[in-house]
């Protein structure tokens, strides 16, 4: 990896939206670790939530690296959808009886 690539990585990781995405991924990882493995519905929701949370940082990095406006906007739309899906899945956790759903309030 050359110094230009290292500078790009450092610049991307210093973006507030990237840092917020990492924070959300950490929160989702900790909350979903509490999901019982014997509950098939909640395990499916867990997989989707982890995927959505991971996309927040990956797509921010992709948007930052993209040179074309179209690619940046495409990544922004994917980020928006992943964030909205996380909020919807909060309701799914509640609906399927997840005991600790109050710790996963992304609306505030």
Protein backbone atom coordinates (compact mmCIF):
# COMPACT_ATOMS: atom_id res chain seq x y z
CA UNK A 1 0.00 0.00 0.00
CA UNK A 2 1.51 3.33 -0.99
CA UNK A 3 1.26 6.59 0.93
CA UNK A 4 -1.59 7.93 -1.25
CA UNK A 5 -3.74 4.92 -0.41
CA UNK A 6 -2.88 5.25 3.28
CA UNK A 7 -3.83 8.94 3.20
CA UNK A 8 -7.15 8.08 1.54
CA UNK A 9 -7.90 5.51 4.25
CA UNK A 10 -7.00 7.96 7.01
CA UNK A 11 -9.12 10.69 5.40
CA UNK A 12 -12.11 8.35 5.01
CA UNK A 13 -11.86 7.07 8.59
CA UNK A 14 -11.79 10.64 9.90
CA UNK A 15 -15.13 11.55 8.28
CA UNK A 16 -17.88 12.08 10.89
CA UNK A 17 -20.38 10.00 8.89
CA UNK A 18 -17.90 7.12 8.67
CA UNK A 19 -17.24 7.27 12.42
CA UNK A 20 -21.02 7.30 13.09
CA UNK A 21 -21.39 4.23 10.86
CA UNK A 22 -18.71 2.43 12.89
CA UNK A 23 -20.50 3.43 16.09
CA UNK A 24 -23.79 2.04 14.76
CA UNK A 25 -22.08 -1.18 13.65
CA UNK A 26 -20.60 -1.61 17.14
CA UNK A 27 -24.01 -1.01 18.72
CA UNK A 28 -25.77 -3.44 16.40
CA UNK A 29 -23.08 -6.07 17.02
CA UNK A 30 -23.48 -5.79 20.78
CA UNK A 31 -27.28 -5.81 20.71
CA UNK A 32 -27.54 -8.70 18.27
CA UNK A 33 -25.12 -10.74 20.39
CA UNK A 34 -27.98 -10.92 22.91
CA UNK A 35 -30.31 -12.65 20.44
CA UNK A 36 -30.89 -16.29 21.41
CA UNK A 37 -29.54 -18.68 18.80
CA UNK A 38 -32.55 -20.97 19.05
CA UNK A 39 -34.95 -18.32 17.70
CA UNK A 40 -34.96 -18.66 13.92
CA UNK A 41 -36.88 -15.45 13.22
CA UNK A 42 -34.64 -13.31 15.40
CA UNK A 43 -31.52 -14.91 13.90
CA UNK A 44 -32.72 -13.91 10.42
CA UNK A 45 -33.30 -10.37 11.64
CA UNK A 46 -29.85 -10.39 13.23
CA UNK A 47 -28.19 -11.34 9.93
CA UNK A 48 -30.02 -8.56 8.09
CA UNK A 49 -29.19 -6.00 10.76
CA UNK A 50 -25.49 -6.84 10.73
CA UNK A 51 -25.45 -6.62 6.95
CA UNK A 52 -27.22 -3.24 6.95
CA UNK A 53 -24.95 -1.86 9.67
CA UNK A 54 -21.83 -3.00 7.82
CA UNK A 55 -23.00 -1.29 4.64
CA UNK A 56 -23.04 2.07 6.39
CA UNK A 57 -19.25 2.26 6.60
CA UNK A 58 -18.47 0.31 3.44
CA UNK A 59 -20.62 2.54 1.25
CA UNK A 60 -19.30 5.72 2.86
CA UNK A 61 -15.79 4.57 2.00
CA UNK A 62 -16.94 3.73 -1.52
CA UNK A 63 -18.59 7.11 -1.96
CA UNK A 64 -15.47 8.88 -0.73
CA UNK A 65 -13.28 6.93 -3.15
CA UNK A 66 -15.62 7.35 -6.11
CA UNK A 67 -14.70 10.05 -8.49
CA UNK A 68 -18.00 10.36 -10.32
CA UNK A 69 -21.01 12.11 -8.85
CA UNK A 70 -23.29 9.27 -10.01
CA UNK A 71 -21.36 6.71 -7.95
CA UNK A 72 -21.43 8.96 -4.91
CA UNK A 73 -25.19 9.36 -5.17
CA UNK A 74 -25.71 5.64 -5.73
CA UNK A 75 -23.76 4.91 -2.53
CA UNK A 76 -25.71 7.60 -0.69
CA UNK A 77 -28.99 5.93 -1.69
CA UNK A 78 -27.73 2.55 -0.46
CA UNK A 79 -26.64 4.12 2.85
CA UNK A 80 -30.06 5.72 3.27
CA UNK A 81 -31.83 2.42 2.58
CA UNK A 82 -29.59 0.49 5.00
CA UNK A 83 -30.21 3.06 7.74
CA UNK A 84 -33.96 2.97 7.18
CA UNK A 85 -33.95 -0.85 7.18
CA UNK A 86 -32.17 -0.80 10.56
CA UNK A 87 -34.91 1.38 11.98
CA UNK A 88 -37.60 -0.94 10.61
CA UNK A 89 -35.86 -3.99 12.01
CA UNK A 90 -36.07 -2.43 15.47
CA UNK A 91 -39.83 -2.90 15.19
CA UNK A 92 -39.31 -6.47 13.97
CA UNK A 93 -37.25 -7.24 17.06
CA UNK A 94 -40.08 -5.97 19.22
CA UNK A 95 -42.70 -7.86 17.25
CA UNK A 96 -40.84 -11.18 17.59
CA UNK A 97 -40.34 -10.74 21.33
CA UNK A 98 -36.70 -9.68 21.63
CA UNK A 99 -36.21 -8.99 25.33
CA UNK A 100 -33.74 -6.09 25.04
CA UNK A 101 -35.31 -4.07 22.23
CA UNK A 102 -35.29 -0.86 24.32
CA UNK A 103 -31.48 -0.74 24.04
CA UNK A 104 -31.72 -0.50 20.27
CA UNK A 105 -33.43 2.85 19.85
CA UNK A 106 -31.92 4.52 16.78
CA UNK A 107 -34.55 7.25 16.58
CA UNK A 108 -33.03 9.45 19.25
